[in-house]
């Protein structure tokens, strides 16, 4: 940016950005182009080809990126403005994050300030929370579940244990045997049925969904870690990404 360059080329040990990890799915396809927003989601979700901060800076300054291999002269993947790209694929990629732990609080009192109390205490311990799910209220109470990294699980459990009486929870549970599998695509915002197709693909493999979270261009599901590889393969096939 400071050099007023027209393009930033980033050389890595792979040929570009793929529809998923080719080590897991050999038929994964290299993308010719991907939007900043899609690449940022993939990077934040665990795709290691680019650091999220690099993508964020490129997006903020509208600096096109070219991700390519250090070992050959093949064309790589362009990361650029979505307006200049076709949206033939409403799902661009599938990514899996194994560094996930889940904590669930049971029968928490449903009143203003409870969520603030929980997540302020977690923030004070420098615990980064990812997905948050709150169930529908029943008899003035509900369940709250959230995810964090496995490295933060021990600290998070200590926080939750100390808050039980304050928030009126009947107890809590936790698991570090989970993974988060996600699909990303700028085109899904204008294509109804993407979530249903994702869930159908996972159902076809007998994979249970423990948590679901969405944004305009992403759907993420927490599943058992042992099912993660099958989930990625099923989603890659289900959305015809090969």
Protein backbone atom coordinates (compact mmCIF):
# COMPACT_ATOMS: atom_id res chain seq x y z
CA UNK A 1 0.00 0.00 0.00
CA UNK A 2 2.77 2.44 0.96
CA UNK A 3 4.50 1.67 -2.35
CA UNK A 4 1.26 2.44 -4.25
CA UNK A 5 1.47 -0.94 -5.96
CA UNK A 6 -1.30 -2.21 -8.23
CA UNK A 7 -1.04 -5.78 -6.98
CA UNK A 8 0.46 -7.74 -4.08
CA UNK A 9 1.72 -11.22 -4.91
CA UNK A 10 1.93 -13.65 -2.00
CA UNK A 11 4.08 -16.74 -2.55
CA UNK A 12 3.31 -19.88 -0.54
CA UNK A 13 3.89 -23.63 -0.70
CA UNK A 14 0.60 -24.20 -2.57
CA UNK A 15 -0.63 -23.12 -6.01
CA UNK A 16 -3.41 -20.89 -4.65
CA UNK A 17 -6.66 -21.05 -2.71
CA UNK A 18 -8.55 -24.33 -3.03
CA UNK A 19 -12.21 -25.22 -2.54
CA UNK A 20 -11.08 -27.18 0.52
CA UNK A 21 -7.92 -28.72 1.94
CA UNK A 22 -6.56 -30.93 -0.90
CA UNK A 23 -4.84 -33.13 1.67
CA UNK A 24 -8.30 -34.12 2.91
CA UNK A 25 -10.11 -34.04 -0.43
CA UNK A 26 -7.71 -34.83 -3.31
CA UNK A 27 -10.23 -33.63 -5.92
CA UNK A 28 -10.34 -30.13 -4.38
CA UNK A 29 -10.11 -27.49 -7.10
CA UNK A 30 -7.96 -24.38 -7.21
CA UNK A 31 -10.02 -21.18 -7.44
CA UNK A 32 -9.09 -18.65 -10.11
CA UNK A 33 -10.62 -15.83 -8.07
CA UNK A 34 -12.27 -15.23 -4.71
CA UNK A 35 -13.69 -12.12 -3.05
CA UNK A 36 -12.07 -10.38 -0.10
CA UNK A 37 -15.08 -11.21 2.06
CA UNK A 38 -15.02 -14.90 1.21
CA UNK A 39 -11.26 -15.14 1.74
CA UNK A 40 -11.52 -13.35 5.08
CA UNK A 41 -14.20 -15.79 6.25
CA UNK A 42 -12.14 -18.79 5.14
CA UNK A 43 -9.01 -17.41 6.84
CA UNK A 44 -10.87 -16.75 10.09
CA UNK A 45 -12.38 -20.23 9.96
CA UNK A 46 -9.02 -21.95 9.76
CA UNK A 47 -7.88 -21.95 6.13
CA UNK A 48 -4.13 -21.48 6.54
CA UNK A 49 -3.18 -20.16 3.11
CA UNK A 50 -3.55 -16.49 4.15
CA UNK A 51 -3.55 -14.74 7.52
CA UNK A 52 -6.85 -12.96 8.28
CA UNK A 53 -5.04 -9.68 9.00
CA UNK A 54 -3.40 -9.71 5.56
CA UNK A 55 -6.78 -10.17 3.89
CA UNK A 56 -8.36 -7.48 6.05
CA UNK A 57 -5.68 -4.95 5.13
CA UNK A 58 -5.96 -5.78 1.43
CA UNK A 59 -9.75 -5.36 1.60
CA UNK A 60 -9.54 -2.06 3.48
CA UNK A 61 -7.15 -0.58 0.92
CA UNK A 62 -8.68 -2.38 -2.09
CA UNK A 63 -5.34 -3.98 -2.89
CA UNK A 64 -5.75 -7.07 -5.12
CA UNK A 65 -3.82 -10.13 -3.95
CA UNK A 66 -2.39 -12.92 -6.08
CA UNK A 67 -1.76 -16.10 -4.07
CA UNK A 68 0.63 -18.39 -5.93
CA UNK A 69 3.30 -21.03 -5.47
CA UNK A 70 6.96 -20.38 -4.74
CA UNK A 71 7.88 -23.55 -6.65
CA UNK A 72 6.41 -22.91 -10.12
CA UNK A 73 5.22 -20.13 -12.43
CA UNK A 74 1.58 -21.24 -12.58
CA UNK A 75 -1.14 -18.65 -12.16
CA UNK A 76 -2.60 -18.72 -8.66
CA UNK A 77 -5.77 -17.28 -7.09
CA UNK A 78 -6.82 -13.64 -7.35
CA UNK A 79 -8.33 -12.13 -4.19
CA UNK A 80 -10.25 -9.02 -5.23
CA UNK A 81 -13.50 -7.03 -5.20
CA UNK A 82 -16.62 -9.17 -5.51
CA UNK A 83 -18.19 -6.79 -8.05
CA UNK A 84 -15.63 -7.83 -10.64
CA UNK A 85 -16.35 -11.54 -10.23
CA UNK A 86 -18.96 -13.95 -11.46
CA UNK A 87 -21.06 -15.71 -8.83
CA UNK A 88 -21.48 -19.01 -10.64
CA UNK A 89 -20.68 -20.84 -7.40
CA UNK A 90 -22.92 -19.89 -4.51
CA UNK A 91 -20.62 -21.90 -2.25
CA UNK A 92 -16.93 -21.20 -2.82
CA UNK A 93 -15.26 -23.36 -0.20
CA UNK A 94 -15.50 -25.77 2.71
CA UNK A 95 -13.28 -25.43 5.76
CA UNK A 96 -12.90 -27.31 9.03
CA UNK A 97 -11.56 -26.12 12.39
CA UNK A 98 -10.52 -28.78 14.91
CA UNK A 99 -9.46 -26.30 17.61
CA UNK A 100 -12.94 -26.04 19.12
CA UNK A 101 -14.43 -26.69 22.56
CA UNK A 102 -18.09 -26.37 23.52
CA UNK A 103 -19.63 -25.33 26.85
CA UNK A 104 -23.36 -25.45 27.62
CA UNK A 105 -25.16 -23.87 30.58
CA UNK A 106 -28.50 -25.37 31.66
CA UNK A 107 -31.65 -23.55 32.81
CA UNK A 108 -30.14 -20.09 33.09
CA UNK A 109 -32.49 -17.41 34.45
CA UNK A 110 -33.96 -15.44 31.54
CA UNK A 111 -33.65 -11.79 32.51
CA UNK A 112 -31.71 -8.74 31.29
CA UNK A 113 -28.00 -8.74 32.09
CA UNK A 114 -27.42 -12.50 32.30
CA UNK A 115 -25.67 -12.81 28.93
CA UNK A 116 -23.65 -9.69 29.75
CA UNK A 117 -22.55 -11.21 33.06
CA UNK A 118 -21.39 -14.44 31.41
CA UNK A 119 -19.51 -12.98 28.48
CA UNK A 120 -18.02 -10.04 30.37
CA UNK A 121 -16.47 -12.52 32.80
CA UNK A 122 -15.08 -14.55 29.90
CA UNK A 123 -13.70 -11.41 28.24
CA UNK A 124 -11.95 -10.37 31.45
CA UNK A 125 -10.06 -13.67 31.29
CA UNK A 126 -9.07 -12.93 27.65
CA UNK A 127 -11.19 -15.82 26.37
CA UNK A 128 -12.26 -15.40 22.76
CA UNK A 129 -15.79 -16.73 22.25
CA UNK A 130 -16.86 -17.83 18.78
CA UNK A 131 -20.37 -19.27 18.37
CA UNK A 132 -23.14 -18.41 20.87
CA UNK A 133 -26.53 -20.14 20.91
CA UNK A 134 -29.45 -19.40 23.25
CA UNK A 135 -32.48 -21.69 23.33
CA UNK A 136 -36.09 -20.54 23.41
CA UNK A 137 -37.34 -19.53 26.86
CA UNK A 138 -39.35 -22.03 28.87
CA UNK A 139 -40.70 -21.27 32.35
CA UNK A 140 -38.50 -18.18 32.60
CA UNK A 141 -35.29 -20.06 31.84
CA UNK A 142 -33.19 -21.07 28.84
CA UNK A 143 -29.95 -22.81 27.91
CA UNK A 144 -26.88 -20.95 26.64
CA UNK A 145 -24.07 -22.66 24.75
CA UNK A 146 -20.88 -21.22 23.30
CA UNK A 147 -17.60 -22.31 21.77
CA UNK A 148 -14.01 -21.30 22.40
CA UNK A 149 -10.59 -22.67 21.52
CA UNK A 150 -9.44 -25.85 23.23
CA UNK A 151 -6.59 -23.89 24.78
CA UNK A 152 -9.10 -21.64 26.57
CA UNK A 153 -11.38 -24.44 27.76
CA UNK A 154 -9.85 -24.81 31.23
CA UNK A 155 -10.10 -21.07 31.94
CA UNK A 156 -13.63 -20.91 30.54
CA UNK A 157 -14.78 -23.77 32.76
CA UNK A 158 -13.37 -21.99 35.81
CA UNK A 159 -15.33 -18.85 34.88
CA UNK A 160 -18.56 -20.78 34.28
CA UNK A 161 -18.17 -22.72 37.52
CA UNK A 162 -17.85 -19.48 39.47
CA UNK A 163 -20.93 -17.97 37.80
CA UNK A 164 -23.42 -20.78 38.36
CA UNK A 165 -25.00 -19.29 41.46
CA UNK A 166 -24.97 -15.75 40.03
CA UNK A 167 -26.84 -16.67 36.84
CA UNK A 168 -29.01 -19.34 38.45
CA UNK A 169 -27.81 -22.16 36.20
CA UNK A 170 -28.68 -25.74 37.12
CA UNK A 171 -25.34 -26.97 35.83
CA UNK A 172 -23.13 -27.07 32.77
CA UNK A 173 -21.50 -29.47 30.37
CA UNK A 174 -18.49 -29.28 28.11
CA UNK A 175 -16.78 -31.14 25.29
CA UNK A 176 -13.49 -30.79 23.45
CA UNK A 177 -14.23 -33.67 21.08
CA UNK A 178 -15.90 -31.40 18.55
CA UNK A 179 -15.02 -29.61 15.32
CA UNK A 180 -16.55 -26.76 13.34
CA UNK A 181 -17.26 -27.33 9.65
CA UNK A 182 -18.27 -24.35 7.52
CA UNK A 183 -19.30 -23.47 3.99
CA UNK A 184 -18.52 -20.01 2.59
CA UNK A 185 -19.84 -18.27 -0.50
CA UNK A 186 -20.84 -14.74 -1.48
CA UNK A 187 -23.53 -16.17 -3.76
CA UNK A 188 -25.47 -17.94 -1.01
CA UNK A 189 -27.15 -14.70 0.07
CA UNK A 190 -29.26 -14.75 -3.11
CA UNK A 191 -29.71 -18.52 -3.37
CA UNK A 192 -32.36 -20.01 -1.06
CA UNK A 193 -31.92 -23.59 0.07
CA UNK A 194 -28.18 -23.53 0.75
CA UNK A 195 -28.64 -24.37 4.44
CA UNK A 196 -31.05 -27.19 3.60
CA UNK A 197 -28.57 -28.63 1.11
CA UNK A 198 -25.78 -28.44 3.68
CA UNK A 199 -27.86 -30.21 6.30
CA UNK A 200 -28.97 -32.85 3.79
CA UNK A 201 -25.35 -33.61 2.87
CA UNK A 202 -24.43 -34.06 6.54
CA UNK A 203 -27.58 -36.09 7.24
CA UNK A 204 -26.61 -38.41 4.40
CA UNK A 205 -23.45 -39.26 6.33
CA UNK A 206 -25.33 -39.72 9.60
CA UNK A 207 -23.68 -36.64 11.12
CA UNK A 208 -25.50 -34.92 13.99
CA UNK A 209 -25.45 -31.12 14.27
CA UNK A 210 -24.75 -29.85 17.78
CA UNK A 211 -24.71 -26.11 17.04
CA UNK A 212 -25.47 -23.96 13.98
CA UNK A 213 -24.37 -20.40 13.25
CA UNK A 214 -24.81 -18.28 10.12
CA UNK A 215 -23.81 -15.02 8.49
CA UNK A 216 -24.67 -13.61 5.07
CA UNK A 217 -21.93 -15.64 3.38
CA UNK A 218 -21.23 -18.45 5.87
CA UNK A 219 -22.94 -21.37 7.59
CA UNK A 220 -21.06 -23.17 10.37
CA UNK A 221 -21.98 -26.35 12.24
CA UNK A 222 -20.40 -27.88 15.32
CA UNK A 223 -20.17 -31.65 14.97
CA UNK A 224 -18.23 -34.50 16.57
CA UNK A 225 -14.55 -34.28 15.68
CA UNK A 226 -14.51 -37.89 14.50
CA UNK A 227 -17.03 -36.94 11.78
CA UNK A 228 -15.11 -33.89 10.51
CA UNK A 229 -13.33 -35.45 7.54
CA UNK A 230 -16.48 -37.19 6.29
CA UNK A 231 -18.38 -33.91 6.70
CA UNK A 232 -15.90 -31.96 4.57
CA UNK A 233 -15.96 -34.62 1.85
CA UNK A 234 -19.77 -34.77 1.86
CA UNK A 235 -20.15 -31.00 1.62
CA UNK A 236 -17.53 -30.69 -1.10
CA UNK A 237 -19.38 -33.32 -3.12
CA UNK A 238 -22.85 -32.02 -2.26
CA UNK A 239 -22.06 -28.54 -3.59
CA UNK A 240 -20.22 -29.85 -6.69
CA UNK A 241 -16.98 -28.07 -5.84
CA UNK A 242 -14.65 -30.56 -7.56
